[in-house]
Amino acid sequence: MTELVVVVFIIGLLAVLIVPKFSKNIRRANEAGSLETLTSIRSALNIYFNDNAGCFPADLGPLMQPGNNYLSALPPLYTADHGRSADVNYTPTKDGLLDTGNWGYVTAGSQQGNVWIQCTHTDSRGIVWSQY
């Protein structure tokens, strides 16, 4: 009986030590995926811009039309404070103070075509999401 208690104690101790490491790695992997997705959206926008005589789309819909080579769908964004979202807020200018956890896209003016993460929280490296 004592051996069983010792084994259960050791397994519990290992779980307490290992689980936080795994959760931190999962968060970092999700964050890296969001940043990679942001890069992909920006690349798709640049290709669209070059293919369409220097014009950005009024919204992100044209990037996801069947038969094009831009994006097949808008991938979800992950931030630890907001979870996952594939929603887009269309704004007239980039506003780094919006904290929706969504994608932001500037629809007009000199900043048209700018896409960013609408989150004022920090990632696991301490960088505010809207600064990416």
N, C-alpha and C. Protein backbone atom coordinates (compact mmCIF):
# COMPACT_ATOMS: atom_id res chain seq x y z
N MET A 1 0.83 -1.20 0.00
CA MET A 1 0.00 0.00 0.00
C MET A 1 0.87 1.26 0.00
N THR A 2 1.93 1.26 0.77
CA THR A 2 2.82 2.42 0.83
C THR A 2 3.46 2.68 -0.52
N GLU A 3 3.82 1.60 -1.22
CA GLU A 3 4.44 1.76 -2.53
C GLU A 3 3.48 2.45 -3.51
N LEU A 4 2.23 2.08 -3.43
CA LEU A 4 1.23 2.67 -4.31
C LEU A 4 1.07 4.17 -4.02
N VAL A 5 1.06 4.55 -2.77
CA VAL A 5 0.96 5.96 -2.40
C VAL A 5 2.18 6.72 -2.91
N VAL A 6 3.35 6.13 -2.80
CA VAL A 6 4.58 6.78 -3.28
C VAL A 6 4.52 6.95 -4.79
N VAL A 7 4.07 5.92 -5.51
CA VAL A 7 3.97 6.01 -6.97
C VAL A 7 2.97 7.09 -7.37
N VAL A 8 1.82 7.13 -6.74
CA VAL A 8 0.82 8.15 -7.04
C VAL A 8 1.38 9.54 -6.74
N PHE A 9 2.09 9.69 -5.64
CA PHE A 9 2.70 10.97 -5.28
C PHE A 9 3.71 11.40 -6.34
N ILE A 10 4.55 10.48 -6.80
CA ILE A 10 5.56 10.81 -7.81
C ILE A 10 4.90 11.20 -9.13
N ILE A 11 3.86 10.48 -9.53
CA ILE A 11 3.15 10.81 -10.77
C ILE A 11 2.49 12.19 -10.65
N GLY A 12 1.90 12.46 -9.50
CA GLY A 12 1.30 13.78 -9.28
C GLY A 12 2.34 14.88 -9.32
N LEU A 13 3.49 14.65 -8.71
CA LEU A 13 4.56 15.64 -8.71
C LEU A 13 5.06 15.90 -10.12
N LEU A 14 5.25 14.85 -10.89
CA LEU A 14 5.68 15.02 -12.29
C LEU A 14 4.64 15.80 -13.09
N ALA A 15 3.37 15.52 -12.87
CA ALA A 15 2.31 16.24 -13.58
C ALA A 15 2.34 17.72 -13.24
N VAL A 16 2.54 18.03 -11.97
CA VAL A 16 2.60 19.43 -11.54
C VAL A 16 3.78 20.15 -12.18
N LEU A 17 4.87 19.46 -12.38
CA LEU A 17 6.07 20.08 -12.97
C LEU A 17 5.99 20.16 -14.49
N ILE A 18 5.36 19.19 -15.13
CA ILE A 18 5.39 19.11 -16.59
C ILE A 18 4.25 19.88 -17.26
N VAL A 19 3.06 19.84 -16.70
CA VAL A 19 1.89 20.46 -17.35
C VAL A 19 2.10 21.95 -17.63
N PRO A 20 2.62 22.75 -16.71
CA PRO A 20 2.83 24.17 -17.05
C PRO A 20 3.78 24.38 -18.23
N LYS A 21 4.78 23.53 -18.36
CA LYS A 21 5.69 23.65 -19.51
C LYS A 21 4.96 23.40 -20.81
N PHE A 22 4.11 22.37 -20.83
CA PHE A 22 3.36 22.06 -22.04
C PHE A 22 2.36 23.16 -22.37
N SER A 23 1.70 23.71 -21.39
CA SER A 23 0.71 24.76 -21.67
C SER A 23 1.40 26.02 -22.19
N LYS A 24 2.59 26.32 -21.68
CA LYS A 24 3.34 27.47 -22.19
C LYS A 24 3.77 27.23 -23.64
N ASN A 25 4.18 26.00 -23.95
CA ASN A 25 4.58 25.68 -25.32
C ASN A 25 3.39 25.72 -26.27
N ILE A 26 2.24 25.28 -25.80
CA ILE A 26 1.03 25.33 -26.63
C ILE A 26 0.66 26.79 -26.91
N ARG A 27 0.73 27.64 -25.90
CA ARG A 27 0.42 29.06 -26.10
C ARG A 27 1.39 29.68 -27.10
N ARG A 28 2.67 29.40 -26.95
CA ARG A 28 3.66 29.95 -27.90
C ARG A 28 3.43 29.46 -29.32
N ALA A 29 3.07 28.19 -29.47
CA ALA A 29 2.79 27.65 -30.80
C ALA A 29 1.57 28.33 -31.42
N ASN A 30 0.52 28.54 -30.63
CA ASN A 30 -0.67 29.25 -31.13
C ASN A 30 -0.34 30.68 -31.52
N GLU A 31 0.48 31.34 -30.71
CA GLU A 31 0.87 32.72 -31.02
C GLU A 31 1.71 32.76 -32.30
N ALA A 32 2.62 31.82 -32.46
CA ALA A 32 3.43 31.78 -33.67
C ALA A 32 2.55 31.55 -34.89
N GLY A 33 1.53 30.72 -34.75
CA GLY A 33 0.59 30.51 -35.84
C GLY A 33 -0.15 31.77 -36.22
N SER A 34 -0.54 32.57 -35.23
CA SER A 34 -1.22 33.84 -35.50
C SER A 34 -0.32 34.81 -36.24
N LEU A 35 0.93 34.88 -35.83
CA LEU A 35 1.87 35.79 -36.50
C LEU A 35 2.17 35.32 -37.92
N GLU A 36 2.24 34.01 -38.11
CA GLU A 36 2.46 33.48 -39.45
C GLU A 36 1.25 33.75 -40.34
N THR A 37 0.06 33.65 -39.77
CA THR A 37 -1.16 33.96 -40.51
C THR A 37 -1.20 35.43 -40.89
N LEU A 38 -0.80 36.30 -39.97
CA LEU A 38 -0.74 37.73 -40.28
C LEU A 38 0.20 37.98 -41.45
N THR A 39 1.34 37.33 -41.46
CA THR A 39 2.30 37.45 -42.56
C THR A 39 1.68 36.95 -43.86
N SER A 40 0.94 35.85 -43.81
CA SER A 40 0.30 35.30 -45.01
C SER A 40 -0.75 36.25 -45.57
N ILE A 41 -1.55 36.85 -44.69
CA ILE A 41 -2.57 37.80 -45.14
C ILE A 41 -1.90 39.01 -45.78
N ARG A 42 -0.85 39.51 -45.16
CA ARG A 42 -0.15 40.66 -45.73
C ARG A 42 0.47 40.32 -47.08
N SER A 43 1.01 39.11 -47.21
CA SER A 43 1.57 38.70 -48.50
C SER A 43 0.49 38.60 -49.56
N ALA A 44 -0.65 38.02 -49.19
CA ALA A 44 -1.78 37.91 -50.13
C ALA A 44 -2.25 39.30 -50.56
N LEU A 45 -2.29 40.24 -49.62
CA LEU A 45 -2.69 41.61 -49.96
C LEU A 45 -1.69 42.26 -50.93
N ASN A 46 -0.41 42.03 -50.71
CA ASN A 46 0.60 42.59 -51.61
C ASN A 46 0.50 41.99 -53.01
N ILE A 47 0.25 40.69 -53.09
CA ILE A 47 0.08 40.06 -54.40
C ILE A 47 -1.17 40.60 -55.07
N TYR A 48 -2.26 40.73 -54.33
CA TYR A 48 -3.50 41.31 -54.87
C TYR A 48 -3.23 42.73 -55.38
N PHE A 49 -2.53 43.52 -54.60
CA PHE A 49 -2.20 44.90 -54.97
C PHE A 49 -1.45 44.92 -56.30
N ASN A 50 -0.47 44.04 -56.44
CA ASN A 50 0.31 44.00 -57.69
C ASN A 50 -0.50 43.48 -58.86
N ASP A 51 -1.42 42.55 -58.62
CA ASP A 51 -2.25 42.00 -59.69
C ASP A 51 -3.36 42.94 -60.13
N ASN A 52 -3.69 43.94 -59.31
CA ASN A 52 -4.84 44.81 -59.58
C ASN A 52 -4.46 46.28 -59.72
N ALA A 53 -3.42 46.53 -60.44
CA ALA A 53 -3.01 47.90 -60.82
C ALA A 53 -2.84 48.81 -59.61
N GLY A 54 -2.24 48.29 -58.55
CA GLY A 54 -1.95 49.12 -57.39
C GLY A 54 -3.15 49.47 -56.54
N CYS A 55 -4.16 48.61 -56.52
CA CYS A 55 -5.35 48.85 -55.70
C CYS A 55 -5.52 47.72 -54.68
N PHE A 56 -5.77 48.10 -53.44
CA PHE A 56 -6.10 47.12 -52.42
C PHE A 56 -7.60 46.85 -52.46
N PRO A 57 -8.03 45.69 -52.02
CA PRO A 57 -9.47 45.43 -51.99
C PRO A 57 -10.14 46.27 -50.90
N ALA A 58 -11.43 46.56 -51.11
CA ALA A 58 -12.19 47.33 -50.11
C ALA A 58 -12.41 46.52 -48.84
N ASP A 59 -12.40 45.20 -48.97
CA ASP A 59 -12.48 44.30 -47.82
C ASP A 59 -11.67 43.06 -48.16
N LEU A 60 -11.60 42.10 -47.26
CA LEU A 60 -10.78 40.92 -47.49
C LEU A 60 -11.49 39.83 -48.29
N GLY A 61 -12.75 40.05 -48.62
CA GLY A 61 -13.52 39.07 -49.40
C GLY A 61 -12.88 38.67 -50.71
N PRO A 62 -12.39 39.61 -51.53
CA PRO A 62 -11.79 39.23 -52.81
C PRO A 62 -10.56 38.31 -52.68
N LEU A 63 -9.92 38.33 -51.54
CA LEU A 63 -8.76 37.45 -51.36
C LEU A 63 -9.17 35.98 -51.25
N MET A 64 -10.44 35.74 -50.91
CA MET A 64 -10.90 34.38 -50.64
C MET A 64 -11.88 33.87 -51.68
N GLN A 65 -11.93 34.50 -52.86
CA GLN A 65 -12.83 34.05 -53.92
C GLN A 65 -12.34 32.72 -54.49
N PRO A 66 -13.25 31.82 -54.80
CA PRO A 66 -12.85 30.55 -55.41
C PRO A 66 -12.08 30.78 -56.71
N GLY A 67 -11.04 30.03 -56.90
CA GLY A 67 -10.26 30.11 -58.13
C GLY A 67 -9.11 31.10 -58.10
N ASN A 68 -8.96 31.87 -57.02
CA ASN A 68 -7.82 32.79 -56.99
C ASN A 68 -6.66 32.13 -56.24
N ASN A 69 -5.53 32.78 -56.26
CA ASN A 69 -4.34 32.23 -55.63
C ASN A 69 -3.93 33.00 -54.38
N TYR A 70 -4.86 33.68 -53.74
CA TYR A 70 -4.51 34.50 -52.58
C TYR A 70 -4.69 33.71 -51.28
N LEU A 71 -5.92 33.53 -50.85
CA LEU A 71 -6.22 32.77 -49.63
C LEU A 71 -7.43 31.88 -49.91
N SER A 72 -7.45 30.70 -49.33
CA SER A 72 -8.63 29.85 -49.49
C SER A 72 -9.71 30.23 -48.47
N ALA A 73 -9.28 30.71 -47.33
CA ALA A 73 -10.19 31.17 -46.27
C ALA A 73 -9.39 32.05 -45.33
N LEU A 74 -10.08 32.83 -44.55
CA LEU A 74 -9.39 33.66 -43.56
C LEU A 74 -9.11 32.81 -42.33
N PRO A 75 -7.85 32.54 -42.07
CA PRO A 75 -7.52 31.70 -40.91
C PRO A 75 -7.83 32.42 -39.60
N PRO A 76 -8.16 31.65 -38.57
CA PRO A 76 -8.46 32.29 -37.28
C PRO A 76 -7.22 32.85 -36.62
N LEU A 77 -7.45 33.86 -35.85
CA LEU A 77 -6.44 34.53 -35.04
C LEU A 77 -6.54 33.98 -33.63
N TYR A 78 -5.40 33.79 -32.97
CA TYR A 78 -5.42 33.35 -31.58
C TYR A 78 -4.64 34.34 -30.72
N THR A 79 -5.27 34.82 -29.68
CA THR A 79 -4.57 35.53 -28.61
C THR A 79 -5.05 34.91 -27.31
N ALA A 80 -4.17 34.79 -26.36
CA ALA A 80 -4.51 34.11 -25.10
C ALA A 80 -5.66 34.82 -24.38
N ASP A 81 -5.76 36.13 -24.52
CA ASP A 81 -6.79 36.88 -23.80
C ASP A 81 -8.15 36.87 -24.48
N HIS A 82 -8.17 36.58 -25.79
CA HIS A 82 -9.44 36.61 -26.53
C HIS A 82 -9.80 35.26 -27.13
N GLY A 83 -8.91 34.31 -27.14
CA GLY A 83 -9.19 33.02 -27.76
C GLY A 83 -9.03 33.10 -29.27
N ARG A 84 -9.85 32.34 -29.99
CA ARG A 84 -9.77 32.29 -31.45
C ARG A 84 -10.88 33.12 -32.09
N SER A 85 -10.53 33.78 -33.19
CA SER A 85 -11.50 34.56 -33.94
C SER A 85 -11.04 34.69 -35.38
N ALA A 86 -11.98 34.54 -36.31
CA ALA A 86 -11.69 34.80 -37.72
C ALA A 86 -12.46 36.02 -38.19
N ASP A 87 -12.96 36.82 -37.25
CA ASP A 87 -13.71 38.03 -37.58
C ASP A 87 -12.77 39.15 -37.98
N VAL A 88 -13.27 40.03 -38.83
CA VAL A 88 -12.50 41.19 -39.29
C VAL A 88 -13.29 42.45 -38.97
N ASN A 89 -12.63 43.42 -38.40
CA ASN A 89 -13.22 44.75 -38.21
C ASN A 89 -12.64 45.66 -39.28
N TYR A 90 -13.50 46.24 -40.07
CA TYR A 90 -13.07 47.16 -41.12
C TYR A 90 -13.13 48.57 -40.57
N THR A 91 -12.01 49.27 -40.65
CA THR A 91 -11.91 50.61 -40.07
C THR A 91 -11.31 51.58 -41.09
N PRO A 92 -11.56 52.88 -40.94
CA PRO A 92 -11.00 53.86 -41.87
C PRO A 92 -9.51 54.14 -41.62
N THR A 93 -9.03 53.86 -40.41
CA THR A 93 -7.61 54.03 -40.08
C THR A 93 -7.20 52.91 -39.11
N LYS A 94 -5.91 52.70 -39.01
CA LYS A 94 -5.43 51.71 -38.05
C LYS A 94 -5.52 52.30 -36.65
N ASP A 95 -6.17 51.56 -35.77
CA ASP A 95 -6.34 52.00 -34.40
C ASP A 95 -5.74 50.94 -33.48
N GLY A 96 -4.55 51.21 -32.97
CA GLY A 96 -3.85 50.27 -32.10
C GLY A 96 -4.45 50.14 -30.72
N LEU A 97 -5.50 50.91 -30.42
CA LEU A 97 -6.13 50.84 -29.11
C LEU A 97 -7.37 49.95 -29.08
N LEU A 98 -7.78 49.44 -30.25
CA LEU A 98 -8.93 48.54 -30.27
C LEU A 98 -8.53 47.21 -29.64
N ASP A 99 -9.41 46.67 -28.82
CA ASP A 99 -9.10 45.44 -28.10
C ASP A 99 -10.23 44.43 -28.29
N THR A 100 -10.42 44.01 -29.54
CA THR A 100 -11.50 43.08 -29.85
C THR A 100 -11.02 41.64 -29.98
N GLY A 101 -9.73 41.46 -30.24
CA GLY A 101 -9.21 40.12 -30.51
C GLY A 101 -9.49 39.67 -31.93
N ASN A 102 -9.84 40.61 -32.81
CA ASN A 102 -10.14 40.31 -34.21
C ASN A 102 -9.02 40.83 -35.11
N TRP A 103 -9.13 40.46 -36.38
CA TRP A 103 -8.28 41.08 -37.38
C TRP A 103 -8.79 42.50 -37.62
N GLY A 104 -7.89 43.42 -37.90
CA GLY A 104 -8.28 44.77 -38.29
C GLY A 104 -7.81 45.01 -39.71
N TYR A 105 -8.63 45.70 -40.51
CA TYR A 105 -8.26 46.00 -41.90
C TYR A 105 -8.70 47.42 -42.22
N VAL A 106 -7.76 48.21 -42.73
CA VAL A 106 -8.05 49.59 -43.10
C VAL A 106 -8.63 49.60 -44.52
N THR A 107 -9.80 50.22 -44.66
CA THR A 107 -10.55 50.15 -45.91
C THR A 107 -10.33 51.32 -46.87
N ALA A 108 -9.73 52.40 -46.41
CA ALA A 108 -9.60 53.57 -47.28
C ALA A 108 -8.44 54.44 -46.84
N GLY A 109 -8.16 55.43 -47.66
CA GLY A 109 -7.14 56.41 -47.30
C GLY A 109 -5.72 55.91 -47.50
N SER A 110 -4.79 56.63 -46.94
CA SER A 110 -3.37 56.32 -47.13
C SER A 110 -2.94 55.04 -46.43
N GLN A 111 -3.74 54.58 -45.46
CA GLN A 111 -3.41 53.34 -44.76
C GLN A 111 -4.17 52.13 -45.31
N GLN A 112 -4.91 52.32 -46.40
CA GLN A 112 -5.69 51.22 -46.95
C GLN A 112 -4.80 50.02 -47.21
N GLY A 113 -5.33 48.84 -46.88
CA GLY A 113 -4.58 47.60 -47.09
C GLY A 113 -3.78 47.18 -45.87
N ASN A 114 -3.77 48.00 -44.84
CA ASN A 114 -3.05 47.66 -43.61
C ASN A 114 -3.89 46.68 -42.80
N VAL A 115 -3.30 45.58 -42.41
CA VAL A 115 -3.99 44.59 -41.60
C VAL A 115 -3.18 44.37 -40.32
N TRP A 116 -3.88 44.24 -39.19
CA TRP A 116 -3.20 44.08 -37.92
C TRP A 116 -4.08 43.30 -36.95
N ILE A 117 -3.53 43.00 -35.79
CA ILE A 117 -4.24 42.28 -34.75
C ILE A 117 -4.79 43.29 -33.75
N GLN A 118 -6.10 43.28 -33.55
CA GLN A 118 -6.73 44.25 -32.66
C GLN A 118 -6.74 43.70 -31.23
N CYS A 119 -5.62 43.86 -30.55
CA CYS A 119 -5.51 43.40 -29.18
C CYS A 119 -4.44 44.22 -28.47
N THR A 120 -4.79 44.76 -27.33
CA THR A 120 -3.85 45.59 -26.57
C THR A 120 -3.13 44.80 -25.49
N HIS A 121 -3.39 43.49 -25.41
CA HIS A 121 -2.69 42.64 -24.45
C HIS A 121 -1.34 42.24 -25.02
N THR A 122 -0.52 41.63 -24.21
CA THR A 122 0.79 41.21 -24.67
C THR A 122 0.82 39.71 -24.94
N ASP A 123 1.73 39.32 -25.83
CA ASP A 123 1.93 37.90 -26.08
C ASP A 123 2.91 37.35 -25.05
N SER A 124 3.33 36.12 -25.21
CA SER A 124 4.20 35.48 -24.22
C SER A 124 5.59 36.11 -24.17
N ARG A 125 5.94 36.91 -25.18
CA ARG A 125 7.24 37.61 -25.16
C ARG A 125 7.12 39.04 -24.63
N GLY A 126 5.90 39.44 -24.26
CA GLY A 126 5.70 40.77 -23.71
C GLY A 126 5.46 41.86 -24.74
N ILE A 127 5.21 41.49 -25.99
CA ILE A 127 4.96 42.46 -27.06
C ILE A 127 3.45 42.63 -27.24
N VAL A 128 3.00 43.87 -27.32
CA VAL A 128 1.58 44.15 -27.52
C VAL A 128 1.19 43.66 -28.91
N TRP A 129 0.09 42.92 -28.98
CA TRP A 129 -0.34 42.30 -30.25
C TRP A 129 -0.52 43.33 -31.36
N SER A 130 -1.09 44.48 -31.04
CA SER A 130 -1.38 45.46 -32.10
C SER A 130 -0.11 46.07 -32.70
N GLN A 131 1.05 45.80 -32.12
CA GLN A 131 2.30 46.32 -32.68
C GLN A 131 2.82 45.46 -33.84
N TYR A 132 2.26 44.29 -34.01
CA TYR A 132 2.73 43.43 -35.12
C TYR A 132 2.16 43.89 -36.42
